[in-house]
Amino acid sequence: MSTLLSEASALLPQLQDLRRRLHARPEIGLDLPHTQAEVLSALEGLDLEVSTGAGTTSVVAVLRGTHPDRSADAPAVLLRGDMDALPIEELTDEPFKSTNGNMHACGHDLHTAGLVGAAKLLHAHRESLAGDVVFMFQPGEEGWNGASVMIDEDVLDAAGSRAIAAFGAHVHMGDRGIVSTKPGTLQAGSNVLRITLHGRGGHGSQPQSAVDPVPALAELVTALQNMISRRINAFDPIALSVTQLKAGEAVNVIPASASLGATVRTLSQESLDIVRTQSTQLARGIAEAHGCTAEVDFEVQYPVTVNDETETAWTIDQVGGLLGEDRVVVADQPIMPSEDFSFVLQEVPGTYMMLGAKRTDVPEEKQGDNHSPFVIFDDTVLGDQAALLAHLALERLRAEV
């Protein structure tokens, strides 16, 4: 497999060029026309069956293996890369920084370029493929549930039969080139909590004549944090962050309502049920104590990301064999960010991995983390990412012969 690594190294300059073009012009949500066009252009000349989405600007490409032992009902493996950015104004000094108010602050530009690299590598080795590979270029991971849109449009069956395994990798600010994953629960489920407290508005100079929802909302924010630290099992953690507060427009007016928005991350169905029930009870109790009423909306977005035990044990061995045992880490605990690849893993056994892409040539104090306007990634990992995805597809299909 050192051949894949050397070939990926030769591809690296063009993969970096693609990544930087995508980075300079990021798009958000399900509608990514420029990104889709870049991917289609990058795949031109390859013998792929390419289709685009109806409900989103996705790209699905199927590579048919030509191995002599390929059977008529050859299996398929799915490789996924997400393509969307975030509505964040970039504050880095990168020469290819975005100026359109959006930012690839989560590294999806690398995921896209890395998947293109895997397609190119596997196309060059299609005579060794004992089955087919589905390349899933997905918009709308950042809260838009693009994975489910593509699943509804049959991406998992794009090769003609259900994929037998699915793999993906996400860059993060870990040590460059280190791959980390774990069997079982890898990432938290993502949920959104919105609470609006309704009171009665009035003049700011006459609070006794109004029912002010603002003090109630302030108390609720603190109470939600206390709920997490005092009423939740520490061994089944929940991360709840209030990220939005809204109340009134004029400084001399007591508003009739005040609201908050929070992201809630859970690792089990039990913790999800607990936080949904208790946050609702808390909001209504505090509202009543202040003479207000509470309107609570708890939206379940993405389920917990669960790696298949068998596939992941195999994947860990494969990563060590390709990159070296010192380049793979089996994580002790899940992490609290969420991922809509979880919907794929509910349908197809597979493995999601984290790939370290931290810069070593920039002081740490000048580097942000994922979703920061200051985050910068080392895109020299693109060769490893492309080779890793290609290697997993080749070897997983070889195991079926």
Protein backbone atom coordinates (compact mmCIF):
# COMPACT_ATOMS: atom_id res chain seq x y z
CA MET A 1 0.00 0.00 0.00
CA SER A 2 3.02 2.29 0.04
CA THR A 3 2.16 2.71 -3.65
CA LEU A 4 -1.05 4.50 -2.68
CA LEU A 5 0.85 6.83 -0.37
CA SER A 6 3.41 7.72 -3.01
CA GLU A 7 0.70 8.26 -5.62
CA ALA A 8 -1.24 10.40 -3.16
CA SER A 9 1.89 12.43 -2.49
CA ALA A 10 2.15 13.12 -6.23
CA LEU A 11 -1.50 14.24 -6.25
CA LEU A 12 -1.07 16.53 -3.25
CA PRO A 13 -0.41 19.81 -5.12
CA GLN A 14 -3.60 19.54 -7.17
CA LEU A 15 -5.61 18.50 -4.11
CA GLN A 16 -4.29 21.50 -2.20
CA ASP A 17 -5.16 23.75 -5.13
CA LEU A 18 -8.73 22.41 -5.18
CA ARG A 19 -9.05 22.77 -1.42
CA ARG A 20 -7.84 26.37 -1.48
CA ARG A 21 -10.22 27.32 -4.31
CA LEU A 22 -13.08 25.86 -2.30
CA HIS A 23 -11.86 27.63 0.83
CA ALA A 24 -11.84 31.00 -0.92
CA ARG A 25 -15.46 30.65 -2.00
CA PRO A 26 -17.37 28.74 0.69
CA GLU A 27 -21.08 28.03 0.46
CA ILE A 28 -23.52 27.06 3.20
CA GLY A 29 -26.55 24.80 3.50
CA LEU A 30 -27.92 22.49 0.85
CA ASP A 31 -27.35 24.75 -2.17
CA LEU A 32 -23.66 24.73 -3.13
CA PRO A 33 -23.60 25.36 -6.90
CA HIS A 34 -19.99 26.56 -7.09
CA THR A 35 -18.71 23.71 -4.92
CA GLN A 36 -20.67 21.17 -6.94
CA ALA A 37 -19.21 22.58 -10.17
CA GLU A 38 -15.68 22.33 -8.76
CA VAL A 39 -16.21 18.69 -7.82
CA LEU A 40 -17.69 17.80 -11.19
CA SER A 41 -14.77 19.48 -12.93
CA ALA A 42 -12.25 17.65 -10.73
CA LEU A 43 -13.85 14.30 -11.60
CA GLU A 44 -13.87 14.91 -15.36
CA GLY A 45 -11.97 12.34 -17.35
CA LEU A 46 -12.51 9.54 -14.84
CA ASP A 47 -14.62 6.54 -15.79
CA LEU A 48 -17.32 7.20 -13.21
CA GLU A 49 -21.10 7.07 -13.19
CA VAL A 50 -21.89 10.57 -11.93
CA SER A 51 -25.24 11.91 -10.80
CA THR A 52 -26.37 15.05 -9.00
CA GLY A 53 -29.05 15.49 -6.39
CA ALA A 54 -32.58 16.79 -6.78
CA GLY A 55 -33.12 18.05 -3.25
CA THR A 56 -29.59 19.37 -2.84
CA THR A 57 -26.50 20.09 -4.93
CA SER A 58 -24.93 16.75 -4.06
CA VAL A 59 -22.64 14.70 -6.27
CA VAL A 60 -22.68 10.91 -6.30
CA ALA A 61 -20.02 9.08 -8.32
CA VAL A 62 -19.84 5.31 -8.73
CA LEU A 63 -16.62 3.58 -9.74
CA ARG A 64 -17.02 0.05 -11.09
CA GLY A 65 -14.14 -2.23 -10.20
CA THR A 66 -12.64 -4.40 -12.93
CA HIS A 67 -10.95 -7.08 -10.82
CA PRO A 68 -10.94 -10.45 -12.68
CA ASP A 69 -12.67 -12.12 -9.72
CA ARG A 70 -15.45 -9.54 -9.61
CA SER A 71 -18.84 -11.28 -9.42
CA ALA A 72 -22.09 -10.23 -11.06
CA ASP A 73 -23.45 -9.17 -7.68
CA ALA A 74 -20.25 -7.44 -6.58
CA PRO A 75 -20.48 -5.52 -3.29
CA ALA A 76 -20.03 -1.78 -2.89
CA VAL A 77 -18.29 0.40 -0.33
CA LEU A 78 -19.27 4.02 0.33
CA LEU A 79 -16.82 6.86 0.99
CA ARG A 80 -18.18 10.21 2.13
CA GLY A 81 -16.97 13.80 2.17
CA ASP A 82 -19.10 16.75 3.27
CA MET A 83 -18.83 20.02 1.34
CA ASP A 84 -20.62 22.88 3.16
CA ALA A 85 -19.19 25.76 5.17
CA LEU A 86 -20.41 27.90 8.08
CA PRO A 87 -21.86 31.44 8.27
CA ILE A 88 -18.70 32.77 9.95
CA GLU A 89 -16.59 35.72 8.84
CA GLU A 90 -13.04 34.45 8.41
CA LEU A 91 -10.38 36.24 10.48
CA THR A 92 -7.27 34.31 9.45
CA ASP A 93 -4.32 35.60 7.44
CA GLU A 94 -4.45 32.81 4.87
CA PRO A 95 -3.75 34.13 1.34
CA PHE A 96 -6.78 32.20 0.09
CA LYS A 97 -9.09 33.32 2.92
CA SER A 98 -12.79 33.75 2.28
CA THR A 99 -14.20 37.24 1.85
CA ASN A 100 -17.87 36.40 1.29
CA GLY A 101 -18.92 36.19 4.95
CA ASN A 102 -18.85 32.41 5.06
CA MET A 103 -15.96 30.19 6.13
CA HIS A 104 -14.76 26.61 5.85
CA ALA A 105 -14.16 26.68 9.60
CA CYS A 106 -14.77 22.95 10.02
CA GLY A 107 -12.49 21.64 7.29
CA HIS A 108 -15.10 20.40 4.85
CA ASP A 109 -13.03 21.87 2.03
CA LEU A 110 -10.37 19.31 2.97
CA HIS A 111 -12.94 16.54 3.13
CA THR A 112 -14.10 17.35 -0.39
CA ALA A 113 -10.61 17.55 -1.86
CA GLY A 114 -9.55 14.39 -0.01
CA LEU A 115 -12.48 12.45 -1.44
CA VAL A 116 -11.62 13.66 -4.95
CA GLY A 117 -8.12 12.35 -4.30
CA ALA A 118 -9.48 8.97 -3.22
CA ALA A 119 -11.55 8.79 -6.42
CA LYS A 120 -8.47 9.47 -8.54
CA LEU A 121 -6.39 6.88 -6.70
CA LEU A 122 -9.04 4.19 -6.89
CA HIS A 123 -9.69 4.92 -10.56
CA ALA A 124 -6.02 4.23 -11.24
CA HIS A 125 -6.36 0.93 -9.35
CA ARG A 126 -9.79 -0.16 -10.53
CA GLU A 127 -8.41 -3.47 -11.82
CA SER A 128 -7.73 -4.30 -8.16
CA LEU A 129 -11.26 -3.41 -7.06
CA ALA A 130 -13.35 -6.52 -6.49
CA GLY A 131 -16.51 -4.44 -6.32
CA ASP A 132 -17.75 -0.88 -6.62
CA VAL A 133 -17.11 2.35 -4.74
CA VAL A 134 -19.70 5.06 -4.12
CA PHE A 135 -18.29 8.55 -3.58
CA MET A 136 -20.75 10.64 -1.55
CA PHE A 137 -20.10 14.38 -1.90
CA GLN A 138 -22.59 15.81 0.58
CA PRO A 139 -23.89 19.34 1.16
CA GLY A 140 -25.65 20.47 4.31
CA GLU A 141 -23.85 18.72 7.15
CA GLU A 142 -23.81 21.82 9.37
CA GLY A 143 -27.34 21.52 10.70
CA TRP A 144 -29.13 20.94 7.39
CA ASN A 145 -29.20 17.13 7.53
CA GLY A 146 -27.84 16.73 4.03
CA ALA A 147 -27.01 13.09 4.72
CA SER A 148 -30.68 12.22 5.15
CA VAL A 149 -31.55 14.08 1.94
CA MET A 150 -29.00 11.98 0.06
CA ILE A 151 -30.14 8.77 1.75
CA ASP A 152 -33.70 9.54 0.65
CA GLU A 153 -32.30 9.91 -2.88
CA ASP A 154 -30.78 6.41 -2.62
CA VAL A 155 -27.09 7.22 -2.22
CA LEU A 156 -26.62 4.04 -0.17
CA ASP A 157 -27.87 1.98 -3.12
CA ALA A 158 -26.24 4.04 -5.87
CA ALA A 159 -24.13 1.11 -7.09
CA GLY A 160 -27.23 -1.06 -7.53
CA SER A 161 -27.21 -2.73 -4.13
CA ARG A 162 -26.85 -1.50 -0.56
CA ALA A 163 -23.27 -0.62 0.38
CA ILE A 164 -21.73 -3.19 2.72
CA ALA A 165 -19.57 -0.63 4.56
CA ALA A 166 -19.14 3.14 4.82
CA PHE A 167 -16.12 5.22 5.79
CA GLY A 168 -15.39 8.88 6.37
CA ALA A 169 -12.76 11.08 8.00
CA HIS A 170 -13.02 14.51 9.64
CA VAL A 171 -10.08 16.85 10.17
CA HIS A 172 -9.58 18.47 13.56
CA MET A 173 -6.94 20.33 15.51
CA GLY A 174 -5.14 17.24 16.69
CA ASP A 175 -1.53 16.32 15.96
CA ARG A 176 -0.94 16.34 12.22
CA GLY A 177 -1.51 13.00 10.52
CA ILE A 178 -2.75 11.12 13.60
CA VAL A 179 -5.95 9.14 13.00
CA SER A 180 -8.21 8.57 16.00
CA THR A 181 -11.42 6.59 16.28
CA LYS A 182 -13.10 4.04 18.49
CA PRO A 183 -15.62 1.21 18.23
CA GLY A 184 -19.12 2.05 19.40
CA THR A 185 -20.22 5.57 20.30
CA LEU A 186 -17.82 8.10 18.77
CA GLN A 187 -19.72 11.39 18.72
CA ALA A 188 -22.70 12.91 20.48
CA GLY A 189 -26.17 13.41 19.14
CA SER A 190 -27.12 17.01 18.40
CA ASN A 191 -30.31 18.70 19.58
CA VAL A 192 -31.64 22.24 19.71
CA LEU A 193 -33.54 23.68 22.70
CA ARG A 194 -35.58 26.84 22.19
CA ILE A 195 -37.54 28.41 25.02
CA THR A 196 -39.72 31.50 24.90
CA LEU A 197 -41.09 33.02 28.09
CA HIS A 198 -44.26 35.07 27.66
CA GLY A 199 -45.08 37.84 30.11
CA ARG A 200 -46.80 41.19 29.73
CA GLY A 201 -44.95 44.16 28.32
CA GLY A 202 -44.90 47.62 29.77
CA HIS A 203 -42.92 50.79 30.45
CA GLY A 204 -39.43 50.31 31.79
CA SER A 205 -40.13 52.81 34.56
CA GLN A 206 -43.19 50.87 35.76
CA PRO A 207 -42.13 47.21 36.21
CA GLN A 208 -44.87 46.64 38.77
CA SER A 209 -47.43 47.11 36.00
CA ALA A 210 -45.85 44.53 33.72
CA VAL A 211 -44.88 40.86 33.91
CA ASP A 212 -41.22 40.99 33.00
CA PRO A 213 -39.91 37.82 31.27
CA VAL A 214 -36.28 39.00 31.27
CA PRO A 215 -35.41 38.18 34.91
CA ALA A 216 -37.13 34.83 34.47
CA LEU A 217 -35.03 34.11 31.40
CA ALA A 218 -31.83 35.09 33.23
CA GLU A 219 -32.73 32.72 36.05
CA LEU A 220 -33.51 29.99 33.57
CA VAL A 221 -30.07 30.22 31.94
CA THR A 222 -28.37 29.63 35.28
CA ALA A 223 -30.86 26.92 36.24
CA LEU A 224 -30.17 24.99 33.02
CA GLN A 225 -26.45 24.93 33.82
CA ASN A 226 -27.18 23.77 37.38
CA MET A 227 -29.47 21.08 36.00
CA ILE A 228 -26.61 19.66 33.91
CA SER A 229 -24.14 19.67 36.81
CA ARG A 230 -26.52 18.49 39.54
CA ARG A 231 -29.22 16.34 37.97
CA ILE A 232 -27.41 14.48 35.17
CA ASN A 233 -25.35 11.30 35.49
CA ALA A 234 -21.69 12.31 35.14
CA PHE A 235 -20.96 8.98 33.42
CA ASP A 236 -23.53 9.70 30.69
CA PRO A 237 -22.69 13.36 30.11
CA ILE A 238 -24.72 16.07 28.45
CA ALA A 239 -23.28 19.29 27.02
CA LEU A 240 -25.78 22.15 27.05
CA SER A 241 -24.67 25.58 25.86
CA VAL A 242 -27.02 28.55 25.74
CA THR A 243 -25.86 30.42 22.65
CA GLN A 244 -28.72 32.83 21.95
CA LEU A 245 -30.61 35.33 24.12
CA LYS A 246 -33.27 37.64 22.69
CA ALA A 247 -35.50 40.18 24.42
CA GLY A 248 -36.94 43.49 23.32
CA GLU A 249 -35.82 46.26 21.00
CA ALA A 250 -36.18 49.54 22.93
CA VAL A 251 -34.17 50.14 26.10
CA ASN A 252 -37.11 51.77 27.89
CA VAL A 253 -39.65 49.03 27.13
CA ILE A 254 -40.23 45.85 29.12
CA PRO A 255 -40.75 43.23 26.39
CA ALA A 256 -43.74 40.92 26.31
CA SER A 257 -41.51 37.93 25.66
CA ALA A 258 -37.90 36.79 25.94
CA SER A 259 -36.27 33.71 24.46
CA LEU A 260 -33.15 31.60 24.44
CA GLY A 261 -31.59 29.07 22.12
CA ALA A 262 -29.24 26.30 23.19
CA THR A 263 -27.38 23.42 21.63
CA VAL A 264 -27.68 20.15 23.55
CA ARG A 265 -25.33 17.20 22.97
CA THR A 266 -26.17 13.74 24.30
CA LEU A 267 -24.55 10.31 24.14
CA SER A 268 -27.53 8.04 24.75
CA GLN A 269 -31.29 7.82 24.34
CA GLU A 270 -31.61 7.87 28.14
CA SER A 271 -29.75 11.17 28.50
CA LEU A 272 -31.73 12.61 25.59
CA ASP A 273 -35.03 11.71 27.28
CA ILE A 274 -33.84 13.13 30.61
CA VAL A 275 -32.65 16.49 29.29
CA ARG A 276 -35.75 16.95 27.16
CA THR A 277 -38.10 16.24 30.09
CA GLN A 278 -36.21 18.15 32.75
CA SER A 279 -35.51 21.26 30.68
CA THR A 280 -39.22 21.49 29.89
CA GLN A 281 -40.18 21.09 33.55
CA LEU A 282 -37.59 23.66 34.59
CA ALA A 283 -38.73 26.25 32.05
CA ARG A 284 -42.38 25.91 33.01
CA GLY A 285 -41.64 26.01 36.74
CA ILE A 286 -39.49 29.14 36.55
CA ALA A 287 -41.95 30.81 34.21
CA GLU A 288 -44.84 30.13 36.60
CA ALA A 289 -42.85 31.46 39.55
CA HIS A 290 -42.46 34.76 37.68
CA GLY A 291 -46.04 34.91 36.47
CA CYS A 292 -45.04 33.99 32.91
CA THR A 293 -45.78 31.08 30.64
CA ALA A 294 -43.19 28.97 28.82
CA GLU A 295 -43.16 27.77 25.25
CA VAL A 296 -40.59 24.98 24.82
CA ASP A 297 -39.40 23.44 21.58
CA PHE A 298 -36.88 20.59 21.74
CA GLU A 299 -35.67 19.53 18.29
CA VAL A 300 -33.73 16.31 17.83
CA GLN A 301 -31.31 16.97 14.95
CA TYR A 302 -28.64 14.28 14.56
CA PRO A 303 -28.46 10.94 16.37
CA VAL A 304 -25.38 9.67 18.17
CA THR A 305 -22.60 8.62 15.79
CA VAL A 306 -21.99 4.92 16.44
CA ASN A 307 -19.13 3.07 14.75
CA ASP A 308 -19.70 -0.60 14.00
CA GLU A 309 -17.62 -2.69 16.40
CA THR A 310 -16.37 -5.21 13.83
CA GLU A 311 -15.75 -2.75 10.99
CA THR A 312 -13.91 -0.39 13.31
CA ALA A 313 -11.63 -3.05 14.77
CA TRP A 314 -10.74 -3.95 11.16
CA THR A 315 -10.31 -0.27 10.24
CA ILE A 316 -7.92 0.37 13.12
CA ASP A 317 -5.73 -2.50 11.91
CA GLN A 318 -5.84 -1.17 8.36
CA VAL A 319 -4.87 2.37 9.36
CA GLY A 320 -1.93 1.06 11.34
CA GLY A 321 -0.85 -1.09 8.42
CA LEU A 322 -1.00 1.80 5.95
CA LEU A 323 0.31 4.71 7.99
CA GLY A 324 2.13 2.97 10.83
CA GLU A 325 1.01 1.89 14.29
CA ASP A 326 2.19 5.20 15.74
CA ARG A 327 -0.30 7.07 13.53
CA VAL A 328 -3.49 5.49 14.90
CA VAL A 329 -5.05 6.12 18.30
CA VAL A 330 -8.02 4.31 19.81
CA ALA A 331 -9.92 7.00 21.70
CA ASP A 332 -10.91 6.32 25.31
CA GLN A 333 -14.10 8.36 25.26
CA PRO A 334 -16.61 9.76 22.76
CA ILE A 335 -16.42 13.42 21.81
CA MET A 336 -19.32 15.86 22.09
CA PRO A 337 -19.46 17.38 18.57
CA SER A 338 -22.11 15.77 16.37
CA GLU A 339 -22.10 14.52 12.78
CA ASP A 340 -24.84 13.64 10.31
CA PHE A 341 -22.77 10.74 8.99
CA SER A 342 -24.55 9.14 11.94
CA PHE A 343 -27.56 8.65 9.64
CA VAL A 344 -25.39 6.66 7.22
CA LEU A 345 -24.01 4.53 10.05
CA GLN A 346 -27.56 3.75 11.18
CA GLU A 347 -28.11 2.07 7.80
CA VAL A 348 -24.66 0.71 6.87
CA PRO A 349 -21.95 -0.67 9.18
CA GLY A 350 -18.85 1.46 9.03
CA THR A 351 -16.36 3.73 10.70
CA TYR A 352 -15.90 7.46 11.12
CA MET A 353 -12.43 8.75 11.96
CA MET A 354 -10.79 11.96 13.10
CA LEU A 355 -7.64 13.11 11.27
CA GLY A 356 -5.29 15.56 12.96
CA ALA A 357 -4.49 18.61 10.81
CA LYS A 358 -2.91 21.04 13.23
CA ARG A 359 -0.35 23.46 11.81
CA THR A 360 3.12 23.29 13.34
CA ASP A 361 4.42 26.45 11.65
CA VAL A 362 1.98 28.80 13.40
CA PRO A 363 1.96 29.63 17.15
CA GLU A 364 -0.87 27.97 19.04
CA GLU A 365 -2.25 31.29 20.23
CA LYS A 366 -2.89 32.21 16.59
CA GLN A 367 -4.84 29.04 15.86
CA GLY A 368 -8.50 28.50 16.65
CA ASP A 369 -10.39 25.24 16.90
CA ASN A 370 -13.06 23.90 14.57
CA HIS A 371 -15.86 26.48 14.09
CA SER A 372 -13.56 29.35 15.09
CA PRO A 373 -13.04 32.31 12.71
CA PHE A 374 -9.31 31.85 13.38
CA VAL A 375 -9.02 28.12 12.64
CA ILE A 376 -6.42 27.09 10.06
CA PHE A 377 -5.67 23.57 8.87
CA ASP A 378 -2.54 21.90 7.52
CA ASP A 379 -3.71 20.75 4.11
CA THR A 380 -0.61 18.62 3.55
CA VAL A 381 -2.70 15.90 5.25
CA LEU A 382 -4.77 15.65 2.06
CA GLY A 383 -2.45 13.02 0.63
CA ASP A 384 -2.83 10.82 3.70
CA GLN A 385 -6.58 11.37 3.74
CA ALA A 386 -6.98 10.38 0.09
CA ALA A 387 -4.72 7.33 0.47
CA LEU A 388 -6.47 6.23 3.66
CA LEU A 389 -9.97 6.32 2.14
CA ALA A 390 -8.77 4.59 -1.03
CA HIS A 391 -6.96 1.92 0.99
CA LEU A 392 -10.04 1.15 3.09
CA ALA A 393 -12.22 0.75 0.00
CA LEU A 394 -9.69 -1.49 -1.76
CA GLU A 395 -9.08 -3.74 1.22
CA ARG A 396 -12.71 -3.95 2.32
CA LEU A 397 -13.75 -5.13 -1.15
CA ARG A 398 -10.76 -7.48 -1.32
CA ALA A 399 -12.01 -9.11 1.87
CA GLU A 400 -15.26 -10.02 0.08
CA VAL A 401 -13.60 -12.00 -2.73
